[in-house]
C-alpha cells in the first residue's frame, strides 16, 4: 500500500491509484478515510443497486459506487456514494463530475453515520446534485433529500425494497 504525505489541503491528485486503500474522500481539503463496509451494509447496497438498475430508463446509468468530483476555484473535492445515478452520457473516466449526477445513495455505516446523514447531505446540495437518499441498513428504511421528484422512477424502485422511514 502506498503512503500519503500531504501538507495543508488534500487534493484528488494527491491520492494514490492503489485500490487496496480503504475508501477515501475529500471535503473542503480534508481527507476522510473509512474502513471497508461490512456484509450487512454491502447487502443493502446490492439491493439498492439492483432495484435502481432494473428500473432505470435508458437515459441514465446506475453505478455501484463511483468517484464523484466537484471542482471549485481549481481545487477538487471527492465523494464516493454507495450507488450513483448519472446521465447515460456521463463518465468515461475515473471520475464523474458532480453536475452529471442525478442521485447519490448512501447506506449508513456505524463509522460514518454523521458524515452520511449531515455532512454529505449538505455537500451534495451545495454541489447541485438533485436528489440524495440515505438508507439505514438496520431498519432497511430510506430518507430522501433534495428533489426526489427529479428521479421519481428511482424513488419508486427503492421504495419497493427499502420503504421510506
C-alpha atoms as a PDB file:
ATOM      1  CA  UNK A   1       0.000   0.000   0.000  1.00  0.00           C
ATOM      2  CA  UNK A   2       1.275   3.462  -0.850  1.00  0.00           C
ATOM      3  CA  UNK A   3       1.593   6.105   1.839  1.00  0.00           C
ATOM      4  CA  UNK A   4       0.096   9.544   1.584  1.00  0.00           C
ATOM      5  CA  UNK A   5       2.062  12.516   2.802  1.00  0.00           C
ATOM      6  CA  UNK A   6       0.410  15.880   2.348  1.00  0.00           C
ATOM      7  CA  UNK A   7       0.951  19.228   3.988  1.00  0.00           C
ATOM      8  CA  UNK A   8      -2.045  21.529   4.001  1.00  0.00           C
ATOM      9  CA  UNK A   9      -5.117  20.790   1.927  1.00  0.00           C
ATOM     10  CA  UNK A  10      -5.528  17.350   0.380  1.00  0.00           C
ATOM     11  CA  UNK A  11      -6.224  17.268  -3.350  1.00  0.00           C
ATOM     12  CA  UNK A  12      -7.640  14.496  -5.508  1.00  0.00           C
ATOM     13  CA  UNK A  13      -4.307  14.451  -7.323  1.00  0.00           C
ATOM     14  CA  UNK A  14      -2.571  13.560  -4.018  1.00  0.00           C
ATOM     15  CA  UNK A  15      -4.428  10.263  -3.668  1.00  0.00           C
ATOM     16  CA  UNK A  16      -2.705   7.051  -4.757  1.00  0.00           C
ATOM     17  CA  UNK A  17      -4.287   4.975  -7.506  1.00  0.00           C
ATOM     18  CA  UNK A  18      -3.732   1.852  -5.372  1.00  0.00           C
ATOM     19  CA  UNK A  19      -7.122   0.156  -4.988  1.00  0.00           C
ATOM     20  CA  UNK A  20      -6.004  -1.576  -1.767  1.00  0.00           C
ATOM     21  CA  UNK A  21      -6.645   1.674   0.104  1.00  0.00           C
ATOM     22  CA  UNK A  22      -9.774   1.887   2.230  1.00  0.00           C
ATOM     23  CA  UNK A  23     -12.413   4.311   0.984  1.00  0.00           C
ATOM     24  CA  UNK A  24     -11.051   7.838   0.874  1.00  0.00           C
ATOM     25  CA  UNK A  25     -12.981  11.038   0.272  1.00  0.00           C
ATOM     26  CA  UNK A  26     -12.131  14.739   0.359  1.00  0.00           C
ATOM     27  CA  UNK A  27     -14.366  17.519   1.686  1.00  0.00           C
ATOM     28  CA  UNK A  28     -13.001  21.061   1.733  1.00  0.00           C
ATOM     29  CA  UNK A  29      -9.432  19.790   1.574  1.00  0.00           C
ATOM     30  CA  UNK A  30      -9.839  17.381   4.493  1.00  0.00           C
ATOM     31  CA  UNK A  31      -9.222  13.667   3.951  1.00  0.00           C
ATOM     32  CA  UNK A  32     -11.826  11.222   5.287  1.00  0.00           C
ATOM     33  CA  UNK A  33     -10.666   7.592   5.408  1.00  0.00           C
ATOM     34  CA  UNK A  34     -13.135   4.862   6.333  1.00  0.00           C
ATOM     35  CA  UNK A  35     -12.767   1.085   6.563  1.00  0.00           C
ATOM     36  CA  UNK A  36     -14.355  -1.207   4.022  1.00  0.00           C
ATOM     37  CA  UNK A  37     -18.040  -1.736   4.843  1.00  0.00           C
ATOM     38  CA  UNK A  38     -19.419  -4.885   6.463  1.00  0.00           C
ATOM     39  CA  UNK A  39     -21.611  -7.509   4.849  1.00  0.00           C
ATOM     40  CA  UNK A  40     -24.972  -6.113   6.027  1.00  0.00           C
ATOM     41  CA  UNK A  41     -24.059  -2.754   4.515  1.00  0.00           C
ATOM     42  CA  UNK A  42     -22.935  -4.364   1.255  1.00  0.00           C
ATOM     43  CA  UNK A  43     -26.119  -6.465   1.004  1.00  0.00           C
ATOM     44  CA  UNK A  44     -28.263  -3.314   1.255  1.00  0.00           C
ATOM     45  CA  UNK A  45     -26.051  -1.554  -1.305  1.00  0.00           C
ATOM     46  CA  UNK A  46     -26.624  -4.523  -3.626  1.00  0.00           C
ATOM     47  CA  UNK A  47     -30.396  -4.377  -3.112  1.00  0.00           C
ATOM     48  CA  UNK A  48     -30.437  -0.645  -3.863  1.00  0.00           C
ATOM     49  CA  UNK A  49     -28.211  -1.021  -6.932  1.00  0.00           C
ATOM     50  CA  UNK A  50     -30.254  -3.857  -8.447  1.00  0.00           C
ATOM     51  CA  UNK A  51     -33.590  -2.124  -7.730  1.00  0.00           C
ATOM     52  CA  UNK A  52     -32.352   1.040  -9.445  1.00  0.00           C
ATOM     53  CA  UNK A  53     -30.648  -0.809 -12.307  1.00  0.00           C
ATOM     54  CA  UNK A  54     -33.804  -2.823 -13.019  1.00  0.00           C
ATOM     55  CA  UNK A  55     -35.986   0.295 -13.152  1.00  0.00           C
ATOM     56  CA  UNK A  56     -33.564   2.708 -14.841  1.00  0.00           C
ATOM     57  CA  UNK A  57     -34.656   4.340 -18.085  1.00  0.00           C
ATOM     58  CA  UNK A  58     -32.207   4.311 -20.991  1.00  0.00           C
ATOM     59  CA  UNK A  59     -31.303   7.935 -20.306  1.00  0.00           C
ATOM     60  CA  UNK A  60     -29.311   7.075 -17.160  1.00  0.00           C
ATOM     61  CA  UNK A  61     -26.548   4.790 -15.936  1.00  0.00           C
ATOM     62  CA  UNK A  62     -26.548   3.288 -12.443  1.00  0.00           C
ATOM     63  CA  UNK A  63     -23.131   2.740 -10.867  1.00  0.00           C
ATOM     64  CA  UNK A  64     -22.445   0.522  -7.829  1.00  0.00           C
ATOM     65  CA  UNK A  65     -20.308   3.248  -6.279  1.00  0.00           C
ATOM     66  CA  UNK A  66     -18.405   5.850  -8.239  1.00  0.00           C
ATOM     67  CA  UNK A  67     -15.908   8.623  -7.680  1.00  0.00           C
ATOM     68  CA  UNK A  68     -17.834  11.906  -7.757  1.00  0.00           C
ATOM     69  CA  UNK A  69     -15.674  15.005  -8.049  1.00  0.00           C
ATOM     70  CA  UNK A  70     -16.592  18.653  -7.612  1.00  0.00           C
ATOM     71  CA  UNK A  71     -14.086  21.330  -8.607  1.00  0.00           C
ATOM     72  CA  UNK A  72     -14.231  24.883  -7.282  1.00  0.00           C
ATOM     73  CA  UNK A  73     -11.541  27.526  -7.551  1.00  0.00           C
ATOM     74  CA  UNK A  74      -9.178  24.992  -9.098  1.00  0.00           C
ATOM     75  CA  UNK A  75      -9.454  22.502  -6.193  1.00  0.00           C
ATOM     76  CA  UNK A  76     -11.410  19.262  -6.267  1.00  0.00           C
ATOM     77  CA  UNK A  77     -13.380  17.525  -3.553  1.00  0.00           C
ATOM     78  CA  UNK A  78     -14.264  13.835  -3.854  1.00  0.00           C
ATOM     79  CA  UNK A  79     -17.101  11.717  -2.506  1.00  0.00           C
ATOM     80  CA  UNK A  80     -17.849   8.074  -3.234  1.00  0.00           C
ATOM     81  CA  UNK A  81     -21.567   7.376  -2.816  1.00  0.00           C
ATOM     82  CA  UNK A  82     -22.563   3.719  -2.438  1.00  0.00           C
ATOM     83  CA  UNK A  83     -24.758   3.950  -5.553  1.00  0.00           C
ATOM     84  CA  UNK A  84     -24.784   6.722  -8.148  1.00  0.00           C
ATOM     85  CA  UNK A  85     -27.257   7.531 -10.914  1.00  0.00           C
ATOM     86  CA  UNK A  86     -25.921   9.750 -13.694  1.00  0.00           C
ATOM     87  CA  UNK A  87     -26.891  10.667 -17.228  1.00  0.00           C
ATOM     88  CA  UNK A  88     -26.187   7.896 -19.745  1.00  0.00           C
ATOM     89  CA  UNK A  89     -23.549  10.028 -21.474  1.00  0.00           C
ATOM     90  CA  UNK A  90     -21.685  10.819 -18.215  1.00  0.00           C
ATOM     91  CA  UNK A  91     -18.412   9.356 -17.110  1.00  0.00           C
ATOM     92  CA  UNK A  92     -15.976   7.506 -19.260  1.00  0.00           C
ATOM     93  CA  UNK A  93     -13.052   8.067 -16.913  1.00  0.00           C
ATOM     94  CA  UNK A  94     -12.047   7.731 -13.287  1.00  0.00           C
ATOM     95  CA  UNK A  95     -14.457  10.413 -12.051  1.00  0.00           C
ATOM     96  CA  UNK A  96     -17.994  11.601 -12.578  1.00  0.00           C
ATOM     97  CA  UNK A  97     -18.348  15.349 -12.299  1.00  0.00           C
ATOM     98  CA  UNK A  98     -20.932  16.354  -9.697  1.00  0.00           C
ATOM     99  CA  UNK A  99     -23.048  18.136 -12.331  1.00  0.00           C
ATOM    100  CA  UNK A 100     -23.526  14.757 -14.117  1.00  0.00           C
ATOM    101  CA  UNK A 101     -25.023  13.075 -11.032  1.00  0.00           C
ATOM    102  CA  UNK A 102     -28.810  12.857 -10.692  1.00  0.00           C
ATOM    103  CA  UNK A 103     -28.973  10.782  -7.495  1.00  0.00           C
ATOM    104  CA  UNK A 104     -26.487   9.833  -4.779  1.00  0.00           C
ATOM    105  CA  UNK A 105     -27.304   6.911  -2.470  1.00  0.00           C
ATOM    106  CA  UNK A 106     -25.554   6.384   0.857  1.00  0.00           C
ATOM    107  CA  UNK A 107     -26.027   3.386   3.127  1.00  0.00           C
ATOM    108  CA  UNK A 108     -25.204   4.395   6.688  1.00  0.00           C
ATOM    109  CA  UNK A 109     -22.274   2.716   8.427  1.00  0.00           C
ATOM    110  CA  UNK A 110     -21.569   2.951  12.162  1.00  0.00           C
ATOM    111  CA  UNK A 111     -18.279   4.745  11.453  1.00  0.00           C
ATOM    112  CA  UNK A 112     -19.847   7.269   9.032  1.00  0.00           C
ATOM    113  CA  UNK A 113     -23.346   7.944  10.428  1.00  0.00           C
ATOM    114  CA  UNK A 114     -22.788  11.688  10.985  1.00  0.00           C
ATOM    115  CA  UNK A 115     -20.989  12.121   7.656  1.00  0.00           C
ATOM    116  CA  UNK A 116     -23.711  10.214   5.749  1.00  0.00           C
ATOM    117  CA  UNK A 117     -26.678  11.957   7.383  1.00  0.00           C
ATOM    118  CA  UNK A 118     -25.449  15.522   7.871  1.00  0.00           C
ATOM    119  CA  UNK A 119     -22.184  16.426   6.156  1.00  0.00           C
ATOM    120  CA  UNK A 120     -22.721  14.689   2.814  1.00  0.00           C
ATOM    121  CA  UNK A 121     -26.321  15.856   2.671  1.00  0.00           C
ATOM    122  CA  UNK A 122     -25.094  19.467   2.806  1.00  0.00           C
ATOM    123  CA  UNK A 123     -22.233  18.792   0.386  1.00  0.00           C
ATOM    124  CA  UNK A 124     -24.453  17.120  -2.228  1.00  0.00           C
ATOM    125  CA  UNK A 125     -26.890  20.052  -2.023  1.00  0.00           C
ATOM    126  CA  UNK A 126     -24.028  22.541  -2.410  1.00  0.00           C
ATOM    127  CA  UNK A 127     -22.741  20.595  -5.412  1.00  0.00           C
ATOM    128  CA  UNK A 128     -26.166  20.797  -7.051  1.00  0.00           C
ATOM    129  CA  UNK A 129     -26.952  17.084  -7.013  1.00  0.00           C
ATOM    130  CA  UNK A 130     -30.747  16.985  -7.345  1.00  0.00           C
ATOM    131  CA  UNK A 131     -31.549  14.057  -5.023  1.00  0.00           C
ATOM    132  CA  UNK A 132     -29.823  12.244  -2.179  1.00  0.00           C
ATOM    133  CA  UNK A 133     -31.125   9.229  -0.293  1.00  0.00           C
ATOM    134  CA  UNK A 134     -29.807   7.827   2.984  1.00  0.00           C
ATOM    135  CA  UNK A 135     -30.563   4.190   3.753  1.00  0.00           C
ATOM    136  CA  UNK A 136     -30.408   2.716   7.251  1.00  0.00           C
ATOM    137  CA  UNK A 137     -29.240  -0.893   6.819  1.00  0.00           C
ATOM    138  CA  UNK A 138     -30.621  -1.998  10.187  1.00  0.00           C
ATOM    139  CA  UNK A 139     -34.201  -0.771   9.699  1.00  0.00           C
ATOM    140  CA  UNK A 140     -33.939  -1.039   5.875  1.00  0.00           C
ATOM    141  CA  UNK A 141     -35.644   2.333   5.512  1.00  0.00           C
ATOM    142  CA  UNK A 142     -34.786   5.276   3.276  1.00  0.00           C
ATOM    143  CA  UNK A 143     -34.806   9.025   3.871  1.00  0.00           C
ATOM    144  CA  UNK A 144     -34.868  11.285   0.811  1.00  0.00           C
ATOM    145  CA  UNK A 145     -33.396  14.783   0.493  1.00  0.00           C
ATOM    146  CA  UNK A 146     -33.421  17.325  -2.291  1.00  0.00           C
ATOM    147  CA  UNK A 147     -35.953  16.755  -5.057  1.00  0.00           C
ATOM    148  CA  UNK A 148     -36.909  13.064  -5.240  1.00  0.00           C
ATOM    149  CA  UNK A 149     -39.445  14.018  -7.917  1.00  0.00           C
ATOM    150  CA  UNK A 150     -36.490  14.631 -10.244  1.00  0.00           C
ATOM    151  CA  UNK A 151     -35.894  10.879 -10.179  1.00  0.00           C
ATOM    152  CA  UNK A 152     -39.417   9.607  -9.423  1.00  0.00           C
ATOM    153  CA  UNK A 153     -38.683   6.266 -11.095  1.00  0.00           C
ATOM    154  CA  UNK A 154     -35.749   5.772  -8.678  1.00  0.00           C
ATOM    155  CA  UNK A 155     -37.822   6.730  -5.642  1.00  0.00           C
ATOM    156  CA  UNK A 156     -40.493   4.217  -6.633  1.00  0.00           C
ATOM    157  CA  UNK A 157     -37.925   1.477  -7.291  1.00  0.00           C
ATOM    158  CA  UNK A 158     -36.189   1.968  -3.946  1.00  0.00           C
ATOM    159  CA  UNK A 159     -39.449   2.234  -2.006  1.00  0.00           C
ATOM    160  CA  UNK A 160     -40.356  -1.228  -3.288  1.00  0.00           C
ATOM    161  CA  UNK A 161     -37.345  -2.776  -1.480  1.00  0.00           C
ATOM    162  CA  UNK A 162     -36.433  -0.079   1.097  1.00  0.00           C
ATOM    163  CA  UNK A 163     -39.528   1.816   2.298  1.00  0.00           C
ATOM    164  CA  UNK A 164     -39.376   5.445   3.457  1.00  0.00           C
ATOM    165  CA  UNK A 165     -38.589   5.998   7.135  1.00  0.00           C
END
